[in-house]
Amino acid sequence: MAGDFTGDSGSDLIVRWSDGEVMLYPSVDEMGFHGEVRLHKSEPDYIWKHASAMTVGRFGGDDKVDDLVVRWTDGEVTIYQNTGTVLGSQIIAAAPQAPQAETWKHATGIGSGEYAGNDNWDLIVRWSGGEVTNYADFDGSSTWREHTWFKPNELLTHAVLVTGGDFSDNPYADDTIIRWTDGELSPYLDGNEQGIGTEHPLVVKK
């Protein structure tokens, strides 16, 4: 996951390895990696092996893109706000034993972007049934502004949320890249909390 975790305006990379170790690679650029910082070691609890999906955005912390959202295999949803060279303050948005957690077990992919046009970013969720939901101004509080981008459908079960970001002429991170399981790749530009935006296929199936 890419974000500004070290505060130098460059892009840093967080990697969760298969053994549960979590590493931060600061200021990755065309010259490669420039050191590494361990955010969580794999032993003894191996808890991060259960991180099923992750995304990074600005979810109620400071003005940097440094808030890490994790959906765990038990349905818990956690924000690590203001993550830097250590994991940030933990906010449990969906508790593992709550009825809400049963729903979140079906969150196949999560992403983020600045679709609502406010200070906080939005959390984007693709569910196992193909539904895609925008949670505007997501900060982990009990009040979630939910907007359905796509109703449940077979087509969207083949969509993989690659990333949200700024890929168009406007200065907002309101664009979404989707990779389809047949190999197609499409950016959806200039979305908002009501919809994903206009599709512009980059790679089409032959």
N, C-alpha and C. Protein backbone atom coordinates (compact mmCIF):
# COMPACT_ATOMS: atom_id res chain seq x y z
N MET A 1 0.84 -1.18 0.00
CA MET A 1 0.00 0.00 0.00
C MET A 1 0.88 1.24 0.00
N ALA A 2 0.58 2.20 -0.88
CA ALA A 2 1.38 3.42 -0.98
C ALA A 2 0.72 4.55 -0.21
N GLY A 3 1.52 5.40 0.42
CA GLY A 3 1.03 6.57 1.13
C GLY A 3 2.19 7.44 1.56
N ASP A 4 1.88 8.54 2.26
CA ASP A 4 2.91 9.45 2.75
C ASP A 4 3.08 9.24 4.24
N PHE A 5 3.83 8.21 4.60
CA PHE A 5 3.96 7.83 6.00
C PHE A 5 5.13 8.52 6.70
N THR A 6 6.09 9.02 5.93
CA THR A 6 7.27 9.64 6.54
C THR A 6 7.21 11.16 6.48
N GLY A 7 6.17 11.72 5.83
CA GLY A 7 5.97 13.16 5.86
C GLY A 7 6.87 13.96 4.94
N ASP A 8 7.54 13.30 3.98
CA ASP A 8 8.42 14.04 3.08
C ASP A 8 7.78 14.30 1.72
N SER A 9 6.47 14.06 1.62
CA SER A 9 5.68 14.25 0.39
C SER A 9 6.02 13.24 -0.70
N GLY A 10 6.95 12.35 -0.44
CA GLY A 10 7.22 11.26 -1.37
C GLY A 10 6.33 10.08 -1.04
N SER A 11 6.28 9.11 -1.94
CA SER A 11 5.44 7.93 -1.72
C SER A 11 6.24 6.84 -1.01
N ASP A 12 5.69 6.38 0.09
CA ASP A 12 6.27 5.28 0.85
C ASP A 12 5.40 4.04 0.63
N LEU A 13 5.97 2.89 0.88
CA LEU A 13 5.29 1.63 0.59
C LEU A 13 5.20 0.78 1.85
N ILE A 14 3.98 0.30 2.16
CA ILE A 14 3.79 -0.67 3.23
C ILE A 14 3.50 -2.03 2.60
N VAL A 15 4.23 -3.04 3.05
CA VAL A 15 4.07 -4.40 2.53
C VAL A 15 3.73 -5.33 3.68
N ARG A 16 2.67 -6.12 3.49
CA ARG A 16 2.35 -7.18 4.43
C ARG A 16 2.77 -8.49 3.79
N TRP A 17 3.73 -9.17 4.41
CA TRP A 17 4.28 -10.41 3.87
C TRP A 17 3.43 -11.60 4.30
N SER A 18 3.59 -12.71 3.63
CA SER A 18 2.74 -13.88 3.85
C SER A 18 2.89 -14.46 5.26
N ASP A 19 4.02 -14.20 5.92
CA ASP A 19 4.22 -14.72 7.28
C ASP A 19 3.68 -13.78 8.35
N GLY A 20 3.07 -12.65 7.92
CA GLY A 20 2.49 -11.71 8.86
C GLY A 20 3.38 -10.54 9.22
N GLU A 21 4.60 -10.50 8.71
CA GLU A 21 5.45 -9.35 8.94
C GLU A 21 4.95 -8.17 8.13
N VAL A 22 5.02 -6.96 8.71
CA VAL A 22 4.60 -5.73 8.04
C VAL A 22 5.79 -4.78 8.00
N MET A 23 6.16 -4.35 6.79
CA MET A 23 7.34 -3.51 6.61
C MET A 23 6.96 -2.20 5.92
N LEU A 24 7.64 -1.13 6.31
CA LEU A 24 7.54 0.17 5.66
C LEU A 24 8.83 0.42 4.88
N TYR A 25 8.67 0.78 3.60
CA TYR A 25 9.80 1.14 2.75
C TYR A 25 9.67 2.62 2.41
N PRO A 26 10.48 3.49 3.06
CA PRO A 26 10.32 4.93 2.89
C PRO A 26 10.78 5.43 1.53
N SER A 27 10.07 6.42 1.02
CA SER A 27 10.50 7.22 -0.14
C SER A 27 10.97 6.36 -1.31
N VAL A 28 10.14 5.43 -1.73
CA VAL A 28 10.45 4.61 -2.90
C VAL A 28 10.41 5.47 -4.15
N ASP A 29 11.42 5.36 -5.00
CA ASP A 29 11.45 6.16 -6.23
C ASP A 29 12.11 5.35 -7.33
N GLU A 30 12.44 6.04 -8.44
CA GLU A 30 13.02 5.33 -9.59
C GLU A 30 14.39 4.75 -9.29
N MET A 31 15.00 5.18 -8.20
CA MET A 31 16.30 4.65 -7.80
C MET A 31 16.17 3.41 -6.92
N GLY A 32 14.93 3.08 -6.54
CA GLY A 32 14.72 1.87 -5.76
C GLY A 32 14.28 2.13 -4.34
N PHE A 33 14.64 1.22 -3.43
CA PHE A 33 14.26 1.30 -2.03
C PHE A 33 15.35 2.00 -1.22
N HIS A 34 14.96 2.67 -0.15
CA HIS A 34 15.90 3.45 0.66
C HIS A 34 15.71 3.09 2.13
N GLY A 35 15.99 1.86 2.45
CA GLY A 35 15.86 1.40 3.81
C GLY A 35 14.52 0.72 4.05
N GLU A 36 14.35 0.21 5.26
CA GLU A 36 13.10 -0.44 5.63
C GLU A 36 12.89 -0.29 7.13
N VAL A 37 11.63 -0.25 7.52
CA VAL A 37 11.25 -0.12 8.93
C VAL A 37 10.21 -1.20 9.22
N ARG A 38 10.44 -2.00 10.25
CA ARG A 38 9.49 -3.05 10.60
C ARG A 38 8.36 -2.43 11.44
N LEU A 39 7.14 -2.53 10.94
CA LEU A 39 5.97 -2.05 11.68
C LEU A 39 5.39 -3.14 12.57
N HIS A 40 5.54 -4.39 12.15
CA HIS A 40 5.06 -5.51 12.96
C HIS A 40 5.85 -6.74 12.57
N LYS A 41 6.43 -7.42 13.56
CA LYS A 41 7.14 -8.65 13.26
C LYS A 41 6.17 -9.83 13.27
N SER A 42 6.49 -10.84 12.52
CA SER A 42 5.56 -11.95 12.34
C SER A 42 5.30 -12.72 13.62
N GLU A 43 6.32 -12.96 14.38
CA GLU A 43 6.18 -13.71 15.63
C GLU A 43 5.98 -12.74 16.79
N PRO A 44 5.30 -13.14 17.87
CA PRO A 44 4.78 -14.49 18.10
C PRO A 44 3.30 -14.67 17.74
N ASP A 45 2.58 -13.55 17.40
CA ASP A 45 1.12 -13.68 17.29
C ASP A 45 0.63 -13.96 15.87
N TYR A 46 1.44 -13.62 14.88
CA TYR A 46 1.07 -13.87 13.47
C TYR A 46 -0.27 -13.23 13.08
N ILE A 47 -0.70 -12.21 13.81
CA ILE A 47 -2.03 -11.65 13.59
C ILE A 47 -2.19 -11.07 12.19
N TRP A 48 -1.13 -10.50 11.64
CA TRP A 48 -1.25 -9.84 10.34
C TRP A 48 -1.36 -10.82 9.18
N LYS A 49 -1.20 -12.11 9.45
CA LYS A 49 -1.52 -13.09 8.42
C LYS A 49 -3.02 -13.09 8.12
N HIS A 50 -3.81 -12.52 9.02
CA HIS A 50 -5.26 -12.49 8.88
C HIS A 50 -5.76 -11.16 8.30
N ALA A 51 -4.84 -10.31 7.82
CA ALA A 51 -5.24 -9.08 7.14
C ALA A 51 -5.67 -9.45 5.72
N SER A 52 -6.96 -9.43 5.49
CA SER A 52 -7.51 -9.91 4.21
C SER A 52 -7.48 -8.87 3.11
N ALA A 53 -7.66 -7.59 3.46
CA ALA A 53 -7.65 -6.51 2.48
C ALA A 53 -7.18 -5.24 3.17
N MET A 54 -6.46 -4.39 2.43
CA MET A 54 -5.93 -3.16 3.01
C MET A 54 -6.03 -2.03 1.99
N THR A 55 -6.15 -0.81 2.52
CA THR A 55 -6.05 0.38 1.68
C THR A 55 -5.53 1.52 2.54
N VAL A 56 -5.06 2.57 1.89
CA VAL A 56 -4.51 3.74 2.58
C VAL A 56 -5.22 4.99 2.07
N GLY A 57 -5.51 5.91 2.98
CA GLY A 57 -6.12 7.17 2.59
C GLY A 57 -6.03 8.18 3.71
N ARG A 58 -6.89 9.17 3.65
CA ARG A 58 -6.96 10.20 4.70
C ARG A 58 -8.31 10.01 5.40
N PHE A 59 -8.30 9.25 6.47
CA PHE A 59 -9.53 8.82 7.14
C PHE A 59 -9.64 9.40 8.54
N GLY A 60 -9.67 10.72 8.65
CA GLY A 60 -9.91 11.36 9.93
C GLY A 60 -8.66 11.67 10.73
N GLY A 61 -7.50 11.43 10.19
CA GLY A 61 -6.27 11.74 10.90
C GLY A 61 -5.77 13.13 10.55
N ASP A 62 -4.46 13.25 10.28
CA ASP A 62 -3.90 14.54 9.88
C ASP A 62 -4.16 14.77 8.39
N ASP A 63 -3.45 15.73 7.80
CA ASP A 63 -3.71 16.07 6.40
C ASP A 63 -2.90 15.23 5.42
N LYS A 64 -2.27 14.17 5.89
CA LYS A 64 -1.47 13.31 5.02
C LYS A 64 -2.24 12.02 4.69
N VAL A 65 -1.87 11.42 3.58
CA VAL A 65 -2.45 10.13 3.19
C VAL A 65 -1.66 9.05 3.94
N ASP A 66 -2.00 8.87 5.22
CA ASP A 66 -1.21 7.98 6.07
C ASP A 66 -2.07 7.16 7.03
N ASP A 67 -3.36 7.02 6.70
CA ASP A 67 -4.25 6.21 7.53
C ASP A 67 -4.48 4.86 6.84
N LEU A 68 -4.13 3.80 7.54
CA LEU A 68 -4.20 2.45 7.00
C LEU A 68 -5.48 1.77 7.47
N VAL A 69 -6.28 1.28 6.50
CA VAL A 69 -7.52 0.55 6.83
C VAL A 69 -7.30 -0.93 6.52
N VAL A 70 -7.68 -1.78 7.45
CA VAL A 70 -7.50 -3.23 7.30
C VAL A 70 -8.84 -3.92 7.51
N ARG A 71 -9.19 -4.81 6.59
CA ARG A 71 -10.32 -5.72 6.81
C ARG A 71 -9.73 -7.08 7.13
N TRP A 72 -10.07 -7.60 8.32
CA TRP A 72 -9.51 -8.86 8.79
C TRP A 72 -10.41 -10.02 8.41
N THR A 73 -9.88 -11.24 8.47
CA THR A 73 -10.64 -12.41 8.05
C THR A 73 -11.87 -12.67 8.92
N ASP A 74 -11.89 -12.16 10.16
CA ASP A 74 -13.05 -12.35 11.02
C ASP A 74 -14.10 -11.26 10.86
N GLY A 75 -13.89 -10.36 9.88
CA GLY A 75 -14.84 -9.29 9.61
C GLY A 75 -14.56 -7.99 10.33
N GLU A 76 -13.57 -7.97 11.20
CA GLU A 76 -13.20 -6.71 11.85
C GLU A 76 -12.64 -5.73 10.82
N VAL A 77 -12.96 -4.45 11.01
CA VAL A 77 -12.40 -3.38 10.18
C VAL A 77 -11.71 -2.39 11.11
N THR A 78 -10.43 -2.14 10.84
CA THR A 78 -9.60 -1.32 11.71
C THR A 78 -8.94 -0.22 10.92
N ILE A 79 -8.90 0.98 11.51
CA ILE A 79 -8.10 2.08 10.96
C ILE A 79 -6.88 2.28 11.86
N TYR A 80 -5.71 2.40 11.25
CA TYR A 80 -4.50 2.80 11.96
C TYR A 80 -4.20 4.23 11.52
N GLN A 81 -4.68 5.18 12.33
CA GLN A 81 -4.65 6.59 11.96
C GLN A 81 -3.28 7.20 12.20
N ASN A 82 -2.81 8.00 11.22
CA ASN A 82 -1.52 8.68 11.30
C ASN A 82 -0.37 7.68 11.44
N THR A 83 -0.38 6.68 10.60
CA THR A 83 0.71 5.70 10.59
C THR A 83 1.98 6.35 10.06
N GLY A 84 3.09 6.05 10.71
CA GLY A 84 4.39 6.55 10.28
C GLY A 84 5.41 5.44 10.36
N THR A 85 6.46 5.65 11.13
CA THR A 85 7.45 4.60 11.33
C THR A 85 6.98 3.60 12.39
N VAL A 86 5.81 3.85 12.96
CA VAL A 86 5.08 2.88 13.78
C VAL A 86 3.64 2.91 13.32
N LEU A 87 2.90 1.83 13.58
CA LEU A 87 1.48 1.82 13.26
C LEU A 87 0.77 2.91 14.04
N GLY A 88 -0.22 3.55 13.40
CA GLY A 88 -0.91 4.66 14.03
C GLY A 88 -1.92 4.23 15.06
N SER A 89 -2.66 5.23 15.59
CA SER A 89 -3.68 4.97 16.60
C SER A 89 -4.76 4.06 16.03
N GLN A 90 -5.12 3.05 16.78
CA GLN A 90 -6.07 2.05 16.30
C GLN A 90 -7.51 2.48 16.59
N ILE A 91 -8.33 2.47 15.55
CA ILE A 91 -9.76 2.73 15.67
C ILE A 91 -10.47 1.50 15.09
N ILE A 92 -11.32 0.88 15.90
CA ILE A 92 -12.08 -0.28 15.43
C ILE A 92 -13.39 0.21 14.85
N ALA A 93 -13.52 0.15 13.53
CA ALA A 93 -14.73 0.61 12.86
C ALA A 93 -15.82 -0.45 12.88
N ALA A 94 -15.44 -1.71 12.82
CA ALA A 94 -16.38 -2.82 12.92
C ALA A 94 -15.76 -3.87 13.82
N ALA A 95 -16.36 -4.11 14.96
CA ALA A 95 -15.81 -5.05 15.93
C ALA A 95 -16.00 -6.49 15.46
N PRO A 96 -15.05 -7.38 15.80
CA PRO A 96 -15.10 -8.75 15.26
C PRO A 96 -16.31 -9.56 15.69
N GLN A 97 -16.89 -9.28 16.85
CA GLN A 97 -18.02 -10.06 17.34
C GLN A 97 -19.37 -9.41 17.03
N ALA A 98 -19.35 -8.22 16.43
CA ALA A 98 -20.59 -7.50 16.15
C ALA A 98 -21.28 -8.09 14.91
N PRO A 99 -22.60 -7.96 14.80
CA PRO A 99 -23.31 -8.43 13.61
C PRO A 99 -22.74 -7.83 12.32
N GLN A 100 -22.24 -6.60 12.42
CA GLN A 100 -21.64 -5.92 11.27
C GLN A 100 -20.48 -6.71 10.68
N ALA A 101 -19.75 -7.41 11.54
CA ALA A 101 -18.57 -8.15 11.09
C ALA A 101 -18.95 -9.27 10.13
N GLU A 102 -20.12 -9.88 10.32
CA GLU A 102 -20.56 -10.94 9.40
C GLU A 102 -20.72 -10.39 7.99
N THR A 103 -21.21 -9.16 7.89
CA THR A 103 -21.33 -8.52 6.57
C THR A 103 -19.97 -8.25 5.97
N TRP A 104 -19.05 -7.75 6.80
CA TRP A 104 -17.73 -7.37 6.28
C TRP A 104 -16.86 -8.56 5.87
N LYS A 105 -17.24 -9.75 6.29
CA LYS A 105 -16.53 -10.93 5.78
C LYS A 105 -16.70 -11.07 4.27
N HIS A 106 -17.72 -10.43 3.72
CA HIS A 106 -18.01 -10.50 2.28
C HIS A 106 -17.40 -9.33 1.51
N ALA A 107 -16.59 -8.49 2.18
CA ALA A 107 -15.90 -7.40 1.49
C ALA A 107 -14.68 -7.98 0.78
N THR A 108 -14.82 -8.20 -0.52
CA THR A 108 -13.77 -8.86 -1.29
C THR A 108 -12.58 -7.94 -1.55
N GLY A 109 -12.85 -6.66 -1.76
CA GLY A 109 -11.77 -5.71 -2.01
C GLY A 109 -12.14 -4.35 -1.45
N ILE A 110 -11.15 -3.59 -0.98
CA ILE A 110 -11.39 -2.24 -0.50
C ILE A 110 -10.41 -1.29 -1.17
N GLY A 111 -10.85 -0.06 -1.37
CA GLY A 111 -10.03 0.99 -1.96
C GLY A 111 -10.39 2.32 -1.32
N SER A 112 -9.80 3.39 -1.83
CA SER A 112 -10.03 4.70 -1.23
C SER A 112 -9.83 5.79 -2.25
N GLY A 113 -10.40 6.96 -1.95
CA GLY A 113 -10.24 8.12 -2.82
C GLY A 113 -11.00 9.30 -2.26
N GLU A 114 -10.80 10.45 -2.90
CA GLU A 114 -11.43 11.70 -2.45
C GLU A 114 -12.63 12.00 -3.35
N TYR A 115 -13.65 11.20 -3.24
CA TYR A 115 -14.80 11.29 -4.14
C TYR A 115 -15.84 12.30 -3.67
N ALA A 116 -16.02 12.44 -2.37
CA ALA A 116 -17.05 13.34 -1.84
C ALA A 116 -16.60 14.80 -1.83
N GLY A 117 -15.30 15.04 -2.03
CA GLY A 117 -14.80 16.41 -2.12
C GLY A 117 -14.60 17.10 -0.80
N ASN A 118 -14.54 16.35 0.28
CA ASN A 118 -14.32 16.93 1.61
C ASN A 118 -12.94 16.55 2.11
N ASP A 119 -12.64 16.95 3.35
CA ASP A 119 -11.30 16.70 3.88
C ASP A 119 -11.00 15.22 4.04
N ASN A 120 -11.98 14.46 4.51
CA ASN A 120 -11.77 13.02 4.67
C ASN A 120 -11.99 12.30 3.34
N TRP A 121 -11.32 11.17 3.18
CA TRP A 121 -11.49 10.36 2.00
C TRP A 121 -12.63 9.38 2.19
N ASP A 122 -12.99 8.73 1.10
CA ASP A 122 -14.08 7.76 1.12
C ASP A 122 -13.49 6.35 1.02
N LEU A 123 -14.17 5.40 1.65
CA LEU A 123 -13.79 3.99 1.56
C LEU A 123 -14.66 3.33 0.50
N ILE A 124 -14.03 2.64 -0.44
CA ILE A 124 -14.74 1.95 -1.51
C ILE A 124 -14.66 0.44 -1.25
N VAL A 125 -15.81 -0.23 -1.34
CA VAL A 125 -15.86 -1.66 -1.04
C VAL A 125 -16.51 -2.39 -2.21
N ARG A 126 -15.86 -3.45 -2.68
CA ARG A 126 -16.48 -4.36 -3.63
C ARG A 126 -16.83 -5.62 -2.87
N TRP A 127 -18.13 -5.95 -2.85
CA TRP A 127 -18.63 -7.09 -2.09
C TRP A 127 -18.65 -8.35 -2.94
N SER A 128 -18.73 -9.49 -2.28
CA SER A 128 -18.66 -10.77 -2.98
C SER A 128 -19.78 -10.95 -4.00
N GLY A 129 -20.92 -10.29 -3.79
CA GLY A 129 -22.02 -10.40 -4.74
C GLY A 129 -21.95 -9.44 -5.90
N GLY A 130 -20.87 -8.66 -5.98
CA GLY A 130 -20.69 -7.72 -7.08
C GLY A 130 -21.12 -6.31 -6.76
N GLU A 131 -21.73 -6.08 -5.61
CA GLU A 131 -22.10 -4.72 -5.23
C GLU A 131 -20.84 -3.91 -4.94
N VAL A 132 -20.86 -2.62 -5.31
CA VAL A 132 -19.76 -1.71 -5.00
C VAL A 132 -20.35 -0.52 -4.24
N THR A 133 -19.76 -0.24 -3.08
CA THR A 133 -20.30 0.77 -2.17
C THR A 133 -19.27 1.83 -1.86
N ASN A 134 -19.72 3.09 -1.81
CA ASN A 134 -18.90 4.22 -1.37
C ASN A 134 -19.35 4.62 0.03
N TYR A 135 -18.41 4.62 0.98
CA TYR A 135 -18.66 5.14 2.31
C TYR A 135 -17.98 6.51 2.40
N ALA A 136 -18.79 7.56 2.23
CA ALA A 136 -18.23 8.91 2.11
C ALA A 136 -17.70 9.41 3.44
N ASP A 137 -16.55 10.11 3.37
CA ASP A 137 -15.93 10.72 4.56
C ASP A 137 -15.75 9.69 5.68
N PHE A 138 -15.23 8.56 5.33
CA PHE A 138 -15.07 7.45 6.28
C PHE A 138 -14.02 7.79 7.33
N ASP A 139 -14.39 7.63 8.60
CA ASP A 139 -13.43 7.85 9.68
C ASP A 139 -13.57 6.82 10.80
N GLY A 140 -14.38 5.79 10.55
CA GLY A 140 -14.53 4.73 11.54
C GLY A 140 -15.58 5.00 12.59
N SER A 141 -16.26 6.14 12.52
CA SER A 141 -17.29 6.46 13.52
C SER A 141 -18.53 5.61 13.26
N SER A 142 -19.52 5.75 14.14
CA SER A 142 -20.72 4.92 14.04
C SER A 142 -21.64 5.36 12.90
N THR A 143 -21.49 6.58 12.40
CA THR A 143 -22.34 7.09 11.33
C THR A 143 -21.59 6.98 10.01
N TRP A 144 -22.09 6.12 9.12
CA TRP A 144 -21.45 5.90 7.82
C TRP A 144 -22.40 6.38 6.73
N ARG A 145 -21.91 7.26 5.85
CA ARG A 145 -22.70 7.74 4.72
C ARG A 145 -22.50 6.77 3.56
N GLU A 146 -23.46 5.90 3.37
CA GLU A 146 -23.34 4.82 2.39
C GLU A 146 -24.02 5.18 1.08
N HIS A 147 -23.30 4.99 -0.04
CA HIS A 147 -23.84 5.21 -1.38
C HIS A 147 -23.52 3.98 -2.24
N THR A 148 -24.53 3.47 -2.93
CA THR A 148 -24.33 2.31 -3.79
C THR A 148 -23.88 2.76 -5.17
N TRP A 149 -22.66 2.40 -5.55
CA TRP A 149 -22.18 2.68 -6.90
C TRP A 149 -22.73 1.66 -7.89
N PHE A 150 -22.70 0.40 -7.52
CA PHE A 150 -23.26 -0.67 -8.36
C PHE A 150 -24.06 -1.60 -7.46
N LYS A 151 -25.26 -1.96 -7.89
CA LYS A 151 -26.04 -2.95 -7.19
C LYS A 151 -25.42 -4.33 -7.42
N PRO A 152 -25.76 -5.32 -6.59
CA PRO A 152 -25.19 -6.66 -6.78
C PRO A 152 -25.43 -7.17 -8.19
N ASN A 153 -24.36 -7.63 -8.83
CA ASN A 153 -24.48 -8.16 -10.19
C ASN A 153 -23.29 -9.05 -10.50
N GLU A 154 -23.50 -9.98 -11.42
CA GLU A 154 -22.48 -10.97 -11.77
C GLU A 154 -21.24 -10.33 -12.37
N LEU A 155 -21.43 -9.30 -13.21
CA LEU A 155 -20.30 -8.67 -13.90
C LEU A 155 -19.27 -8.16 -12.90
N LEU A 156 -19.74 -7.47 -11.86
CA LEU A 156 -18.80 -6.85 -10.92
C LEU A 156 -18.11 -7.85 -10.00
N THR A 157 -18.55 -9.11 -9.98
CA THR A 157 -17.80 -10.11 -9.22
C THR A 157 -16.45 -10.37 -9.88
N HIS A 158 -16.27 -9.94 -11.13
CA HIS A 158 -15.01 -10.13 -11.85
C HIS A 158 -14.12 -8.89 -11.82
N ALA A 159 -14.49 -7.91 -10.98
CA ALA A 159 -13.73 -6.67 -10.89
C ALA A 159 -12.79 -6.71 -9.69
N VAL A 160 -11.55 -6.28 -9.91
CA VAL A 160 -10.57 -6.16 -8.84
C VAL A 160 -10.22 -4.68 -8.70
N LEU A 161 -10.49 -4.10 -7.52
CA LEU A 161 -10.14 -2.71 -7.28
C LEU A 161 -8.62 -2.61 -7.18
N VAL A 162 -8.02 -1.96 -8.17
CA VAL A 162 -6.56 -1.84 -8.16
C VAL A 162 -6.13 -0.68 -7.27
N THR A 163 -6.67 0.51 -7.56
CA THR A 163 -6.30 1.68 -6.78
C THR A 163 -7.22 2.83 -7.10
N GLY A 164 -7.32 3.75 -6.15
CA GLY A 164 -7.93 5.05 -6.40
C GLY A 164 -6.82 6.09 -6.45
N GLY A 165 -7.06 7.18 -7.17
CA GLY A 165 -6.03 8.20 -7.26
C GLY A 165 -6.44 9.32 -8.19
N ASP A 166 -5.48 10.18 -8.52
CA ASP A 166 -5.72 11.33 -9.39
C ASP A 166 -5.12 11.03 -10.76
N PHE A 167 -5.96 10.57 -11.68
CA PHE A 167 -5.49 10.17 -13.00
C PHE A 167 -6.13 11.01 -14.11
N SER A 168 -6.77 12.14 -13.74
CA SER A 168 -7.42 12.99 -14.74
C SER A 168 -6.98 14.43 -14.54
N ASP A 169 -7.59 15.34 -15.29
CA ASP A 169 -7.16 16.73 -15.28
C ASP A 169 -7.49 17.46 -13.98
N ASN A 170 -8.56 17.04 -13.29
CA ASN A 170 -8.87 17.76 -12.05
C ASN A 170 -7.91 17.33 -10.94
N PRO A 171 -7.77 18.15 -9.89
CA PRO A 171 -6.73 17.89 -8.88
C PRO A 171 -7.15 16.98 -7.74
N TYR A 172 -8.19 16.15 -7.94
CA TYR A 172 -8.69 15.32 -6.85
C TYR A 172 -8.41 13.84 -7.09
N ALA A 173 -8.27 13.12 -6.00
CA ALA A 173 -8.08 11.66 -6.09
C ALA A 173 -9.45 11.00 -6.19
N ASP A 174 -10.13 11.27 -7.33
CA ASP A 174 -11.50 10.79 -7.51
C ASP A 174 -11.62 9.84 -8.70
N ASP A 175 -10.53 9.21 -9.04
CA ASP A 175 -10.50 8.25 -10.15
C ASP A 175 -10.19 6.86 -9.60
N THR A 176 -10.70 5.84 -10.29
CA THR A 176 -10.55 4.46 -9.83
C THR A 176 -10.08 3.58 -10.97
N ILE A 177 -9.08 2.75 -10.71
CA ILE A 177 -8.63 1.79 -11.71
C ILE A 177 -9.12 0.40 -11.32
N ILE A 178 -9.77 -0.25 -12.27
CA ILE A 178 -10.28 -1.60 -12.06
C ILE A 178 -9.63 -2.55 -13.06
N ARG A 179 -9.13 -3.67 -12.54
CA ARG A 179 -8.65 -4.75 -13.41
C ARG A 179 -9.71 -5.84 -13.40
N TRP A 180 -10.08 -6.28 -14.58
CA TRP A 180 -11.06 -7.34 -14.71
C TRP A 180 -10.35 -8.69 -14.83
N THR A 181 -11.02 -9.74 -14.38
CA THR A 181 -10.38 -11.06 -14.36
C THR A 181 -10.07 -11.59 -15.75
N ASP A 182 -10.66 -11.01 -16.81
CA ASP A 182 -10.32 -11.45 -18.17
C ASP A 182 -9.13 -10.69 -18.74
N GLY A 183 -8.51 -9.82 -17.92
CA GLY A 183 -7.32 -9.09 -18.35
C GLY A 183 -7.56 -7.66 -18.75
N GLU A 184 -8.81 -7.23 -18.86
CA GLU A 184 -9.08 -5.84 -19.20
C GLU A 184 -8.70 -4.92 -18.03
N LEU A 185 -8.33 -3.69 -18.37
CA LEU A 185 -7.94 -2.70 -17.37
C LEU A 185 -8.60 -1.38 -17.73
N SER A 186 -9.32 -0.80 -16.76
CA SER A 186 -10.09 0.41 -17.05
C SER A 186 -9.97 1.42 -15.91
N PRO A 187 -9.56 2.67 -16.21
CA PRO A 187 -9.74 3.74 -15.23
C PRO A 187 -11.15 4.33 -15.37
N TYR A 188 -11.76 4.64 -14.25
CA TYR A 188 -13.04 5.34 -14.20
C TYR A 188 -12.74 6.73 -13.64
N LEU A 189 -12.96 7.76 -14.46
CA LEU A 189 -12.48 9.10 -14.13
C LEU A 189 -13.59 9.99 -13.58
N ASP A 190 -13.17 10.89 -12.67
CA ASP A 190 -14.02 11.95 -12.13
C ASP A 190 -15.28 11.39 -11.46
N GLY A 191 -15.07 10.46 -10.55
CA GLY A 191 -16.19 9.93 -9.79
C GLY A 191 -16.60 10.87 -8.67
N ASN A 192 -17.72 10.57 -8.06
CA ASN A 192 -18.16 11.30 -6.88
C ASN A 192 -18.83 10.31 -5.94
N GLU A 193 -19.41 10.79 -4.84
CA GLU A 193 -19.97 9.84 -3.88
C GLU A 193 -21.16 9.08 -4.43
N GLN A 194 -21.75 9.59 -5.52
CA GLN A 194 -22.91 8.93 -6.11
C GLN A 194 -22.55 7.92 -7.19
N GLY A 195 -21.37 8.03 -7.79
CA GLY A 195 -21.01 7.14 -8.88
C GLY A 195 -19.53 7.09 -9.15
N ILE A 196 -19.09 6.03 -9.82
CA ILE A 196 -17.66 5.76 -10.00
C ILE A 196 -17.02 6.63 -11.07
N GLY A 197 -17.80 7.23 -11.96
CA GLY A 197 -17.24 8.05 -13.03
C GLY A 197 -17.30 7.36 -14.37
N THR A 198 -16.64 7.95 -15.35
CA THR A 198 -16.70 7.51 -16.73
C THR A 198 -15.57 6.54 -17.05
N GLU A 199 -15.92 5.42 -17.67
CA GLU A 199 -14.93 4.39 -17.99
C GLU A 199 -14.12 4.78 -19.22
N HIS A 200 -12.79 4.58 -19.14
CA HIS A 200 -11.88 4.79 -20.27
C HIS A 200 -10.98 3.58 -20.36
N PRO A 201 -11.36 2.56 -21.12
CA PRO A 201 -10.57 1.32 -21.18
C PRO A 201 -9.13 1.57 -21.64
N LEU A 202 -8.19 1.01 -20.90
CA LEU A 202 -6.78 1.06 -21.30
C LEU A 202 -6.34 -0.21 -21.99
N VAL A 203 -6.75 -1.34 -21.44
CA VAL A 203 -6.42 -2.63 -22.01
C VAL A 203 -7.75 -3.37 -22.23
N VAL A 204 -7.99 -3.80 -23.45
CA VAL A 204 -9.24 -4.50 -23.76
C VAL A 204 -8.93 -5.95 -24.11
N LYS A 205 -9.93 -6.79 -23.87
CA LYS A 205 -9.78 -8.20 -24.16
C LYS A 205 -9.79 -8.41 -25.67
N LYS A 206 -8.85 -9.20 -26.15
CA LYS A 206 -8.79 -9.49 -27.59
C LYS A 206 -9.70 -10.65 -27.94
